[in-house]
Amino acid sequence: MPALDPTRLHLPARHLHTLRALLRQHVPRAEVWAYGSRVTGGAHEGSDLDLVLRDPDDPTRDVEGWGELQEALQASPLPMLVDVHLWSRLPEAFHRRIEAGYVVMQHGEGAATARE
């Protein structure tokens, strides 16, 4: 399934703004997908937000800034737990589950894009 419409993400606009600012600050080169109940339905106010970070130039590589992003999210005013995973460290079966329904949160400025 291709990426879902961003309006499918169950996240208040103020939290989305905060989250996108943190993503731009800590992992600007990463492609970031949201998945799980906040995308596919069934989420409630206290549901966690599941994110996966991908290197747009090479999805098998880890994304720089992952640890810093996790620390920033924990210190942020976001009222929900945000689980951040690296695509490069997830098993193929989990990749398929995520690909079944996700929302692109950030396209990322891969190294190739950053050099242009």
PDB file of N, CA and C in Angstrom:
ATOM      1  N   MET A   1       0.853  -1.176   0.000  1.00  0.00           N
ATOM      2  CA  MET A   1       0.000   0.000   0.000  1.00  0.00           C
ATOM      3  C   MET A   1       0.897   1.236   0.000  1.00  0.00           C
ATOM      4  N   PRO A   2       0.567   2.212  -0.840  1.00  0.00           N
ATOM      5  CA  PRO A   2       1.349   3.453  -0.818  1.00  0.00           C
ATOM      6  C   PRO A   2       1.089   4.226   0.470  1.00  0.00           C
ATOM      7  N   ALA A   3       1.840   5.285   0.632  1.00  0.00           N
ATOM      8  CA  ALA A   3       1.657   6.132   1.814  1.00  0.00           C
ATOM      9  C   ALA A   3       0.221   6.628   1.873  1.00  0.00           C
ATOM     10  N   LEU A   4      -0.307   6.712   3.080  1.00  0.00           N
ATOM     11  CA  LEU A   4      -1.668   7.190   3.292  1.00  0.00           C
ATOM     12  C   LEU A   4      -1.691   8.714   3.337  1.00  0.00           C
ATOM     13  N   ASP A   5      -2.849   9.279   3.128  1.00  0.00           N
ATOM     14  CA  ASP A   5      -3.045  10.717   3.197  1.00  0.00           C
ATOM     15  C   ASP A   5      -2.672  11.203   4.600  1.00  0.00           C
ATOM     16  N   PRO A   6      -1.904  12.302   4.695  1.00  0.00           N
ATOM     17  CA  PRO A   6      -1.495  12.815   6.011  1.00  0.00           C
ATOM     18  C   PRO A   6      -2.653  13.126   6.951  1.00  0.00           C
ATOM     19  N   THR A   7      -3.838  13.371   6.413  1.00  0.00           N
ATOM     20  CA  THR A   7      -4.982  13.647   7.284  1.00  0.00           C
ATOM     21  C   THR A   7      -5.401  12.414   8.072  1.00  0.00           C
ATOM     22  N   ARG A   8      -4.877  11.249   7.708  1.00  0.00           N
ATOM     23  CA  ARG A   8      -5.179  10.013   8.442  1.00  0.00           C
ATOM     24  C   ARG A   8      -4.484   9.963   9.801  1.00  0.00           C
ATOM     25  N   LEU A   9      -3.490  10.825  10.000  1.00  0.00           N
ATOM     26  CA  LEU A   9      -2.747  10.826  11.260  1.00  0.00           C
ATOM     27  C   LEU A   9      -3.589  11.465  12.357  1.00  0.00           C
ATOM     28  N   HIS A  10      -3.857  10.715  13.405  1.00  0.00           N
ATOM     29  CA  HIS A  10      -4.651  11.199  14.534  1.00  0.00           C
ATOM     30  C   HIS A  10      -3.724  11.870  15.544  1.00  0.00           C
ATOM     31  N   LEU A  11      -3.463  13.168  15.285  1.00  0.00           N
ATOM     32  CA  LEU A  11      -2.566  13.948  16.132  1.00  0.00           C
ATOM     33  C   LEU A  11      -2.990  15.415  16.038  1.00  0.00           C
ATOM     34  N   PRO A  12      -3.276  16.050  17.167  1.00  0.00           N
ATOM     35  CA  PRO A  12      -3.678  17.460  17.128  1.00  0.00           C
ATOM     36  C   PRO A  12      -2.617  18.325  16.443  1.00  0.00           C
ATOM     37  N   ALA A  13      -3.061  19.367  15.762  1.00  0.00           N
ATOM     38  CA  ALA A  13      -2.167  20.233  14.985  1.00  0.00           C
ATOM     39  C   ALA A  13      -1.020  20.787  15.824  1.00  0.00           C
ATOM     40  N   ARG A  14      -1.279  21.165  17.063  1.00  0.00           N
ATOM     41  CA  ARG A  14      -0.207  21.744  17.893  1.00  0.00           C
ATOM     42  C   ARG A  14       0.883  20.710  18.178  1.00  0.00           C
ATOM     43  N   HIS A  15       0.497  19.456  18.350  1.00  0.00           N
ATOM     44  CA  HIS A  15       1.489  18.404  18.589  1.00  0.00           C
ATOM     45  C   HIS A  15       2.233  18.062  17.297  1.00  0.00           C
ATOM     46  N   LEU A  16       1.524  18.092  16.184  1.00  0.00           N
ATOM     47  CA  LEU A  16       2.149  17.837  14.889  1.00  0.00           C
ATOM     48  C   LEU A  16       3.204  18.896  14.602  1.00  0.00           C
ATOM     49  N   HIS A  17       2.905  20.148  14.912  1.00  0.00           N
ATOM     50  CA  HIS A  17       3.849  21.245  14.706  1.00  0.00           C
ATOM     51  C   HIS A  17       5.114  21.027  15.549  1.00  0.00           C
ATOM     52  N   THR A  18       4.938  20.692  16.815  1.00  0.00           N
ATOM     53  CA  THR A  18       6.073  20.433  17.708  1.00  0.00           C
ATOM     54  C   THR A  18       6.904  19.270  17.194  1.00  0.00           C
ATOM     55  N   LEU A  19       6.241  18.194  16.814  1.00  0.00           N
ATOM     56  CA  LEU A  19       6.937  17.006  16.326  1.00  0.00           C
ATOM     57  C   LEU A  19       7.742  17.316  15.066  1.00  0.00           C
ATOM     58  N   ARG A  20       7.138  17.997  14.119  1.00  0.00           N
ATOM     59  CA  ARG A  20       7.852  18.308  12.865  1.00  0.00           C
ATOM     60  C   ARG A  20       9.059  19.205  13.125  1.00  0.00           C
ATOM     61  N   ALA A  21       8.945  20.134  14.062  1.00  0.00           N
ATOM     62  CA  ALA A  21      10.084  20.995  14.405  1.00  0.00           C
ATOM     63  C   ALA A  21      11.230  20.163  14.978  1.00  0.00           C
ATOM     64  N   LEU A  22      10.914  19.213  15.838  1.00  0.00           N
ATOM     65  CA  LEU A  22      11.952  18.344  16.414  1.00  0.00           C
ATOM     66  C   LEU A  22      12.585  17.463  15.342  1.00  0.00           C
ATOM     67  N   LEU A  23      11.799  16.965  14.414  1.00  0.00           N
ATOM     68  CA  LEU A  23      12.337  16.141  13.327  1.00  0.00           C
ATOM     69  C   LEU A  23      13.298  16.961  12.468  1.00  0.00           C
ATOM     70  N   ARG A  24      12.891  18.175  12.099  1.00  0.00           N
ATOM     71  CA  ARG A  24      13.761  19.037  11.277  1.00  0.00           C
ATOM     72  C   ARG A  24      15.060  19.360  12.007  1.00  0.00           C
ATOM     73  N   GLN A  25      14.974  19.563  13.310  1.00  0.00           N
ATOM     74  CA  GLN A  25      16.155  19.935  14.089  1.00  0.00           C
ATOM     75  C   GLN A  25      17.128  18.772  14.264  1.00  0.00           C
ATOM     76  N   HIS A  26      16.625  17.593  14.552  1.00  0.00           N
ATOM     77  CA  HIS A  26      17.504  16.484  14.935  1.00  0.00           C
ATOM     78  C   HIS A  26      17.788  15.463  13.836  1.00  0.00           C
ATOM     79  N   VAL A  27      16.851  15.274  12.919  1.00  0.00           N
ATOM     80  CA  VAL A  27      17.060  14.285  11.843  1.00  0.00           C
ATOM     81  C   VAL A  27      16.610  14.864  10.493  1.00  0.00           C
ATOM     82  N   PRO A  28      17.196  16.000  10.083  1.00  0.00           N
ATOM     83  CA  PRO A  28      16.728  16.666   8.860  1.00  0.00           C
ATOM     84  C   PRO A  28      16.894  15.826   7.597  1.00  0.00           C
ATOM     85  N   ARG A  29      17.854  14.922   7.592  1.00  0.00           N
ATOM     86  CA  ARG A  29      18.094  14.102   6.396  1.00  0.00           C
ATOM     87  C   ARG A  29      17.250  12.844   6.354  1.00  0.00           C
ATOM     88  N   ALA A  30      16.551  12.551   7.426  1.00  0.00           N
ATOM     89  CA  ALA A  30      15.787  11.299   7.507  1.00  0.00           C
ATOM     90  C   ALA A  30      14.418  11.423   6.863  1.00  0.00           C
ATOM     91  N   GLU A  31      14.013  10.337   6.239  1.00  0.00           N
ATOM     92  CA  GLU A  31      12.621  10.173   5.844  1.00  0.00           C
ATOM     93  C   GLU A  31      11.940   9.579   7.074  1.00  0.00           C
ATOM     94  N   VAL A  32      10.825  10.164   7.492  1.00  0.00           N
ATOM     95  CA  VAL A  32      10.160   9.735   8.723  1.00  0.00           C
ATOM     96  C   VAL A  32       8.729   9.332   8.407  1.00  0.00           C
ATOM     97  N   TRP A  33       8.381   8.119   8.809  1.00  0.00           N
ATOM     98  CA  TRP A  33       7.031   7.595   8.615  1.00  0.00           C
ATOM     99  C   TRP A  33       6.383   7.375   9.976  1.00  0.00           C
ATOM    100  N   ALA A  34       5.108   7.718  10.073  1.00  0.00           N
ATOM    101  CA  ALA A  34       4.289   7.361  11.234  1.00  0.00           C
ATOM    102  C   ALA A  34       3.480   6.133  10.844  1.00  0.00           C
ATOM    103  N   TYR A  35       3.290   5.231  11.795  1.00  0.00           N
ATOM    104  CA  TYR A  35       2.514   4.016  11.534  1.00  0.00           C
ATOM    105  C   TYR A  35       1.820   3.617  12.830  1.00  0.00           C
ATOM    106  N   GLY A  36       1.052   2.578  12.785  1.00  0.00           N
ATOM    107  CA  GLY A  36       0.383   2.102  13.992  1.00  0.00           C
ATOM    108  C   GLY A  36      -1.003   2.698  14.151  1.00  0.00           C
ATOM    109  N   SER A  37      -1.525   2.628  15.376  1.00  0.00           N
ATOM    110  CA  SER A  37      -2.927   2.981  15.623  1.00  0.00           C
ATOM    111  C   SER A  37      -3.249   4.443  15.332  1.00  0.00           C
ATOM    112  N   ARG A  38      -2.287   5.346  15.436  1.00  0.00           N
ATOM    113  CA  ARG A  38      -2.574   6.754  15.138  1.00  0.00           C
ATOM    114  C   ARG A  38      -2.708   6.992  13.637  1.00  0.00           C
ATOM    115  N   VAL A  39      -2.376   5.995  12.839  1.00  0.00           N
ATOM    116  CA  VAL A  39      -2.531   6.075  11.389  1.00  0.00           C
ATOM    117  C   VAL A  39      -3.673   5.179  10.915  1.00  0.00           C
ATOM    118  N   THR A  40      -3.724   3.976  11.435  1.00  0.00           N
ATOM    119  CA  THR A  40      -4.679   2.988  10.921  1.00  0.00           C
ATOM    120  C   THR A  40      -6.024   3.015  11.623  1.00  0.00           C
ATOM    121  N   GLY A  41      -6.133   3.769  12.709  1.00  0.00           N
ATOM    122  CA  GLY A  41      -7.393   3.867  13.440  1.00  0.00           C
ATOM    123  C   GLY A  41      -7.306   3.152  14.769  1.00  0.00           C
ATOM    124  N   GLY A  42      -8.256   3.434  15.618  1.00  0.00           N
ATOM    125  CA  GLY A  42      -8.294   2.796  16.925  1.00  0.00           C
ATOM    126  C   GLY A  42      -7.497   3.518  17.988  1.00  0.00           C
ATOM    127  N   ALA A  43      -6.869   4.640  17.626  1.00  0.00           N
ATOM    128  CA  ALA A  43      -6.081   5.384  18.611  1.00  0.00           C
ATOM    129  C   ALA A  43      -6.997   6.180  19.528  1.00  0.00           C
ATOM    130  N   HIS A  44      -6.537   6.391  20.744  1.00  0.00           N
ATOM    131  CA  HIS A  44      -7.225   7.268  21.683  1.00  0.00           C
ATOM    132  C   HIS A  44      -6.230   8.334  22.115  1.00  0.00           C
ATOM    133  N   GLU A  45      -6.658   9.286  22.901  1.00  0.00           N
ATOM    134  CA  GLU A  45      -5.818  10.421  23.273  1.00  0.00           C
ATOM    135  C   GLU A  45      -4.474   9.998  23.862  1.00  0.00           C
ATOM    136  N   GLY A  46      -4.449   8.928  24.638  1.00  0.00           N
ATOM    137  CA  GLY A  46      -3.222   8.484  25.286  1.00  0.00           C
ATOM    138  C   GLY A  46      -2.391   7.495  24.486  1.00  0.00           C
ATOM    139  N   SER A  47      -2.817   7.181  23.274  1.00  0.00           N
ATOM    140  CA  SER A  47      -2.065   6.219  22.453  1.00  0.00           C
ATOM    141  C   SER A  47      -0.680   6.754  22.129  1.00  0.00           C
ATOM    142  N   ASP A  48       0.277   5.838  22.040  1.00  0.00           N
ATOM    143  CA  ASP A  48       1.620   6.249  21.650  1.00  0.00           C
ATOM    144  C   ASP A  48       1.634   6.562  20.158  1.00  0.00           C
ATOM    145  N   LEU A  49       2.711   7.194  19.721  1.00  0.00           N
ATOM    146  CA  LEU A  49       2.924   7.500  18.314  1.00  0.00           C
ATOM    147  C   LEU A  49       4.140   6.710  17.875  1.00  0.00           C
ATOM    148  N   ASP A  50       3.973   5.907  16.842  1.00  0.00           N
ATOM    149  CA  ASP A  50       5.061   5.078  16.328  1.00  0.00           C
ATOM    150  C   ASP A  50       5.673   5.740  15.103  1.00  0.00           C
ATOM    151  N   LEU A  51       6.998   5.932  15.142  1.00  0.00           N
ATOM    152  CA  LEU A  51       7.726   6.521  14.023  1.00  0.00           C
ATOM    153  C   LEU A  51       8.859   5.600  13.611  1.00  0.00           C
ATOM    154  N   VAL A  52       9.166   5.615  12.326  1.00  0.00           N
ATOM    155  CA  VAL A  52      10.338   4.902  11.840  1.00  0.00           C
ATOM    156  C   VAL A  52      11.150   5.885  10.999  1.00  0.00           C
ATOM    157  N   LEU A  53      12.477   5.872  11.203  1.00  0.00           N
ATOM    158  CA  LEU A  53      13.399   6.742  10.478  1.00  0.00           C
ATOM    159  C   LEU A  53      14.110   5.931   9.404  1.00  0.00           C
ATOM    160  N   ARG A  54      14.164   6.502   8.199  1.00  0.00           N
ATOM    161  CA  ARG A  54      14.833   5.842   7.072  1.00  0.00           C
ATOM    162  C   ARG A  54      15.835   6.806   6.445  1.00  0.00           C
ATOM    163  N   ASP A  55      16.979   6.288   6.044  1.00  0.00           N
ATOM    164  CA  ASP A  55      17.932   7.073   5.271  1.00  0.00           C
ATOM    165  C   ASP A  55      17.439   7.024   3.826  1.00  0.00           C
ATOM    166  N   PRO A  56      17.064   8.172   3.222  1.00  0.00           N
ATOM    167  CA  PRO A  56      16.499   8.127   1.878  1.00  0.00           C
ATOM    168  C   PRO A  56      17.486   7.682   0.804  1.00  0.00           C
ATOM    169  N   ASP A  57      18.790   7.797   1.073  1.00  0.00           N
ATOM    170  CA  ASP A  57      19.791   7.362   0.108  1.00  0.00           C
ATOM    171  C   ASP A  57      20.106   5.879   0.225  1.00  0.00           C
ATOM    172  N   ASP A  58      19.991   5.342   1.435  1.00  0.00           N
ATOM    173  CA  ASP A  58      20.306   3.934   1.675  1.00  0.00           C
ATOM    174  C   ASP A  58      19.554   3.463   2.920  1.00  0.00           C
ATOM    175  N   PRO A  59      18.364   2.874   2.736  1.00  0.00           N
ATOM    176  CA  PRO A  59      17.556   2.451   3.888  1.00  0.00           C
ATOM    177  C   PRO A  59      18.229   1.421   4.800  1.00  0.00           C
ATOM    178  N   THR A  60      19.351   0.841   4.364  1.00  0.00           N
ATOM    179  CA  THR A  60      20.046  -0.125   5.218  1.00  0.00           C
ATOM    180  C   THR A  60      20.979   0.564   6.218  1.00  0.00           C
ATOM    181  N   ARG A  61      21.173   1.874   6.068  1.00  0.00           N
ATOM    182  CA  ARG A  61      22.046   2.628   6.981  1.00  0.00           C
ATOM    183  C   ARG A  61      21.243   3.229   8.120  1.00  0.00           C
ATOM    184  N   ASP A  62      21.889   3.359   9.279  1.00  0.00           N
ATOM    185  CA  ASP A  62      21.277   4.054  10.413  1.00  0.00           C
ATOM    186  C   ASP A  62      21.190   5.548  10.102  1.00  0.00           C
ATOM    187  N   VAL A  63      20.268   6.224  10.758  1.00  0.00           N
ATOM    188  CA  VAL A  63      20.054   7.659  10.574  1.00  0.00           C
ATOM    189  C   VAL A  63      20.795   8.426  11.662  1.00  0.00           C
ATOM    190  N   GLU A  64      21.587   9.411  11.244  1.00  0.00           N
ATOM    191  CA  GLU A  64      22.282  10.266  12.211  1.00  0.00           C
ATOM    192  C   GLU A  64      21.269  11.095  12.985  1.00  0.00           C
ATOM    193  N   GLY A  65      21.500  11.252  14.279  1.00  0.00           N
ATOM    194  CA  GLY A  65      20.643  12.081  15.112  1.00  0.00           C
ATOM    195  C   GLY A  65      19.536  11.325  15.815  1.00  0.00           C
ATOM    196  N   TRP A  66      19.470  10.013  15.623  1.00  0.00           N
ATOM    197  CA  TRP A  66      18.414   9.186  16.209  1.00  0.00           C
ATOM    198  C   TRP A  66      18.393   9.319  17.733  1.00  0.00           C
ATOM    199  N   GLY A  67      19.532   9.170  18.367  1.00  0.00           N
ATOM    200  CA  GLY A  67      19.604   9.252  19.829  1.00  0.00           C
ATOM    201  C   GLY A  67      19.224  10.632  20.344  1.00  0.00           C
ATOM    202  N   GLU A  68      19.708  11.673  19.659  1.00  0.00           N
ATOM    203  CA  GLU A  68      19.378  13.041  20.055  1.00  0.00           C
ATOM    204  C   GLU A  68      17.878  13.295  19.916  1.00  0.00           C
ATOM    205  N   LEU A  69      17.273  12.750  18.860  1.00  0.00           N
ATOM    206  CA  LEU A  69      15.831  12.909  18.676  1.00  0.00           C
ATOM    207  C   LEU A  69      15.076  12.250  19.822  1.00  0.00           C
ATOM    208  N   GLN A  70      15.485  11.059  20.208  1.00  0.00           N
ATOM    209  CA  GLN A  70      14.802  10.369  21.305  1.00  0.00           C
ATOM    210  C   GLN A  70      14.866  11.188  22.595  1.00  0.00           C
ATOM    211  N   GLU A  71      16.032  11.751  22.885  1.00  0.00           N
ATOM    212  CA  GLU A  71      16.178  12.581  24.085  1.00  0.00           C
ATOM    213  C   GLU A  71      15.304  13.825  24.001  1.00  0.00           C
ATOM    214  N   ALA A  72      15.277  14.465  22.833  1.00  0.00           N
ATOM    215  CA  ALA A  72      14.471  15.674  22.653  1.00  0.00           C
ATOM    216  C   ALA A  72      12.982  15.369  22.793  1.00  0.00           C
ATOM    217  N   LEU A  73      12.551  14.232  22.287  1.00  0.00           N
ATOM    218  CA  LEU A  73      11.141  13.852  22.405  1.00  0.00           C
ATOM    219  C   LEU A  73      10.757  13.620  23.862  1.00  0.00           C
ATOM    220  N   GLN A  74      11.650  12.993  24.623  1.00  0.00           N
ATOM    221  CA  GLN A  74      11.369  12.748  26.040  1.00  0.00           C
ATOM    222  C   GLN A  74      11.268  14.057  26.816  1.00  0.00           C
ATOM    223  N   ALA A  75      12.046  15.057  26.412  1.00  0.00           N
ATOM    224  CA  ALA A  75      12.048  16.350  27.099  1.00  0.00           C
ATOM    225  C   ALA A  75      10.991  17.312  26.549  1.00  0.00           C
ATOM    226  N   SER A  76      10.320  16.923  25.489  1.00  0.00           N
ATOM    227  CA  SER A  76       9.355  17.805  24.821  1.00  0.00           C
ATOM    228  C   SER A  76       8.032  17.870  25.582  1.00  0.00           C
ATOM    229  N   PRO A  77       7.202  18.848  25.219  1.00  0.00           N
ATOM    230  CA  PRO A  77       5.881  18.951  25.850  1.00  0.00           C
ATOM    231  C   PRO A  77       4.840  17.993  25.262  1.00  0.00           C
ATOM    232  N   LEU A  78       5.239  17.134  24.347  1.00  0.00           N
ATOM    233  CA  LEU A  78       4.274  16.201  23.756  1.00  0.00           C
ATOM    234  C   LEU A  78       3.714  15.288  24.841  1.00  0.00           C
ATOM    235  N   PRO A  79       2.393  15.155  24.917  1.00  0.00           N
ATOM    236  CA  PRO A  79       1.771  14.395  26.008  1.00  0.00           C
ATOM    237  C   PRO A  79       1.724  12.888  25.793  1.00  0.00           C
ATOM    238  N   MET A  80       2.200  12.425  24.643  1.00  0.00           N
ATOM    239  CA  MET A  80       2.158  10.986  24.387  1.00  0.00           C
ATOM    240  C   MET A  80       3.576  10.439  24.253  1.00  0.00           C
ATOM    241  N   LEU A  81       3.693   9.147  24.481  1.00  0.00           N
ATOM    242  CA  LEU A  81       4.954   8.460  24.259  1.00  0.00           C
ATOM    243  C   LEU A  81       5.174   8.371  22.757  1.00  0.00           C
ATOM    244  N   VAL A  82       6.387   8.703  22.308  1.00  0.00           N
ATOM    245  CA  VAL A  82       6.730   8.584  20.894  1.00  0.00           C
ATOM    246  C   VAL A  82       7.811   7.515  20.786  1.00  0.00           C
ATOM    247  N   ASP A  83       7.463   6.409  20.131  1.00  0.00           N
ATOM    248  CA  ASP A  83       8.411   5.317  19.905  1.00  0.00           C
ATOM    249  C   ASP A  83       9.083   5.537  18.559  1.00  0.00           C
ATOM    250  N   VAL A  84      10.417   5.644  18.567  1.00  0.00           N
ATOM    251  CA  VAL A  84      11.168   5.903  17.342  1.00  0.00           C
ATOM    252  C   VAL A  84      12.051   4.698  17.047  1.00  0.00           C
ATOM    253  N   HIS A  85      11.917   4.176  15.839  1.00  0.00           N
ATOM    254  CA  HIS A  85      12.699   3.013  15.417  1.00  0.00           C
ATOM    255  C   HIS A  85      13.500   3.357  14.171  1.00  0.00           C
ATOM    256  N   LEU A  86      14.581   2.644  13.978  1.00  0.00           N
ATOM    257  CA  LEU A  86      15.380   2.768  12.763  1.00  0.00           C
ATOM    258  C   LEU A  86      14.975   1.660  11.796  1.00  0.00           C
ATOM    259  N   TRP A  87      14.625   2.037  10.590  1.00  0.00           N
ATOM    260  CA  TRP A  87      14.253   1.073   9.552  1.00  0.00           C
ATOM    261  C   TRP A  87      15.365   0.042   9.373  1.00  0.00           C
ATOM    262  N   SER A  88      16.603   0.509   9.416  1.00  0.00           N
ATOM    263  CA  SER A  88      17.761  -0.353   9.171  1.00  0.00           C
ATOM    264  C   SER A  88      17.908  -1.463  10.207  1.00  0.00           C
ATOM    265  N   ARG A  89      17.277  -1.313  11.362  1.00  0.00           N
ATOM    266  CA  ARG A  89      17.417  -2.314  12.428  1.00  0.00           C
ATOM    267  C   ARG A  89      16.168  -3.173  12.621  1.00  0.00           C
ATOM    268  N   LEU A  90      15.150  -2.930  11.817  1.00  0.00           N
ATOM    269  CA  LEU A  90      13.914  -3.710  11.940  1.00  0.00           C
ATOM    270  C   LEU A  90      13.935  -4.894  10.983  1.00  0.00           C
ATOM    271  N   PRO A  91      13.345  -6.012  11.377  1.00  0.00           N
ATOM    272  CA  PRO A  91      13.294  -7.169  10.478  1.00  0.00           C
ATOM    273  C   PRO A  91      12.378  -6.905   9.280  1.00  0.00           C
ATOM    274  N   GLU A  92      12.645  -7.611   8.205  1.00  0.00           N
ATOM    275  CA  GLU A  92      11.880  -7.470   6.965  1.00  0.00           C
ATOM    276  C   GLU A  92      10.380  -7.646   7.191  1.00  0.00           C
ATOM    277  N   ALA A  93       9.993  -8.575   8.047  1.00  0.00           N
ATOM    278  CA  ALA A  93       8.566  -8.798   8.316  1.00  0.00           C
ATOM    279  C   ALA A  93       7.927  -7.544   8.911  1.00  0.00           C
ATOM    280  N   PHE A  94       8.663  -6.825   9.733  1.00  0.00           N
ATOM    281  CA  PHE A  94       8.138  -5.589  10.319  1.00  0.00           C
ATOM    282  C   PHE A  94       8.058  -4.492   9.263  1.00  0.00           C
ATOM    283  N   HIS A  95       9.017  -4.475   8.329  1.00  0.00           N
ATOM    284  CA  HIS A  95       8.952  -3.519   7.218  1.00  0.00           C
ATOM    285  C   HIS A  95       7.623  -3.679   6.484  1.00  0.00           C
ATOM    286  N   ARG A  96       7.253  -4.918   6.207  1.00  0.00           N
ATOM    287  CA  ARG A  96       6.004  -5.178   5.475  1.00  0.00           C
ATOM    288  C   ARG A  96       4.791  -4.699   6.267  1.00  0.00           C
ATOM    289  N   ARG A  97       4.802  -4.882   7.582  1.00  0.00           N
ATOM    290  CA  ARG A  97       3.680  -4.408   8.414  1.00  0.00           C
ATOM    291  C   ARG A  97       3.567  -2.887   8.352  1.00  0.00           C
ATOM    292  N   ILE A  98       4.696  -2.206   8.419  1.00  0.00           N
ATOM    293  CA  ILE A  98       4.687  -0.740   8.349  1.00  0.00           C
ATOM    294  C   ILE A  98       4.219  -0.286   6.966  1.00  0.00           C
ATOM    295  N   GLU A  99       4.739  -0.919   5.924  1.00  0.00           N
ATOM    296  CA  GLU A  99       4.382  -0.543   4.554  1.00  0.00           C
ATOM    297  C   GLU A  99       2.896  -0.743   4.262  1.00  0.00           C
ATOM    298  N   ALA A 100       2.209  -1.510   5.082  1.00  0.00           N
ATOM    299  CA  ALA A 100       0.774  -1.742   4.885  1.00  0.00           C
ATOM    300  C   ALA A 100      -0.053  -0.502   5.206  1.00  0.00           C
ATOM    301  N   GLY A 101       0.495   0.442   5.938  1.00  0.00           N
ATOM    302  CA  GLY A 101      -0.232   1.665   6.260  1.00  0.00           C
ATOM    303  C   GLY A 101       0.629   2.630   7.037  1.00  0.00           C
ATOM    304  N   TYR A 102       1.058   3.702   6.403  1.00  0.00           N
ATOM    305  CA  TYR A 102       1.910   4.696   7.055  1.00  0.00           C
ATOM    306  C   TYR A 102       1.622   6.082   6.480  1.00  0.00           C
ATOM    307  N   VAL A 103       2.044   7.096   7.213  1.00  0.00           N
ATOM    308  CA  VAL A 103       1.948   8.483   6.770  1.00  0.00           C
ATOM    309  C   VAL A 103       3.359   9.055   6.774  1.00  0.00           C
ATOM    310  N   VAL A 104       3.750   9.701   5.687  1.00  0.00           N
ATOM    311  CA  VAL A 104       5.069  10.330   5.620  1.00  0.00           C
ATOM    312  C   VAL A 104       5.020  11.629   6.422  1.00  0.00           C
ATOM    313  N   MET A 105       5.832  11.681   7.475  1.00  0.00           N
ATOM    314  CA  MET A 105       5.910  12.869   8.333  1.00  0.00           C
ATOM    315  C   MET A 105       6.945  13.868   7.812  1.00  0.00           C
ATOM    316  N   GLN A 106       7.990  13.328   7.184  1.00  0.00           N
ATOM    317  CA  GLN A 106       9.077  14.159   6.664  1.00  0.00           C
ATOM    318  C   GLN A 106       9.723  13.391   5.528  1.00  0.00           C
ATOM    319  N   HIS A 107       9.982  14.095   4.419  1.00  0.00           N
ATOM    320  CA  HIS A 107      10.605  13.434   3.274  1.00  0.00           C
ATOM    321  C   HIS A 107      12.115  13.325   3.436  1.00  0.00           C
ATOM    322  N   GLY A 108      12.724  14.213   4.147  1.00  0.00           N
ATOM    323  CA  GLY A 108      14.163  14.149   4.403  1.00  0.00           C
ATOM    324  C   GLY A 108      14.971  14.742   3.275  1.00  0.00           C
ATOM    325  N   GLU A 109      16.130  15.240   3.641  1.00  0.00           N
ATOM    326  CA  GLU A 109      17.053  15.798   2.663  1.00  0.00           C
ATOM    327  C   GLU A 109      18.223  14.854   2.577  1.00  0.00           C
ATOM    328  N   GLY A 110      18.053  13.744   1.909  1.00  0.00           N
ATOM    329  CA  GLY A 110      19.129  12.767   1.782  1.00  0.00           C
ATOM    330  C   GLY A 110      20.423  13.431   1.371  1.00  0.00           C
ATOM    331  N   ALA A 111      21.521  12.754   1.570  1.00  0.00           N
ATOM    332  CA  ALA A 111      22.835  13.317   1.261  1.00  0.00           C
ATOM    333  C   ALA A 111      22.903  13.775  -0.185  1.00  0.00           C
ATOM    334  N   ALA A 112      22.298  13.019  -1.106  1.00  0.00           N
ATOM    335  CA  ALA A 112      22.303  13.405  -2.518  1.00  0.00           C
ATOM    336  C   ALA A 112      21.587  14.740  -2.695  1.00  0.00           C
ATOM    337  N   THR A 113      20.471  14.930  -2.015  1.00  0.00           N
ATOM    338  CA  THR A 113      19.715  16.178  -2.098  1.00  0.00           C
ATOM    339  C   THR A 113      20.497  17.314  -1.452  1.00  0.00           C
ATOM    340  N   ALA A 114      21.139  17.045  -0.329  1.00  0.00           N
ATOM    341  CA  ALA A 114      21.876  18.079   0.401  1.00  0.00           C
ATOM    342  C   ALA A 114      23.065  18.590  -0.408  1.00  0.00           C
ATOM    343  N   ARG A 115      23.652  17.743  -1.279  1.00  0.00           N
ATOM    344  CA  ARG A 115      24.809  18.143  -2.078  1.00  0.00           C
ATOM    345  C   ARG A 115      24.403  18.995  -3.270  1.00  0.00           C
ATOM    346  N   GLU A 116      23.167  18.905  -3.705  1.00  0.00           N
ATOM    347  CA  GLU A 116      22.733  19.604  -4.925  1.00  0.00           C
ATOM    348  C   GLU A 116      22.599  21.085  -4.699  1.00  0.00           C
TER     349      GLU A 116
END
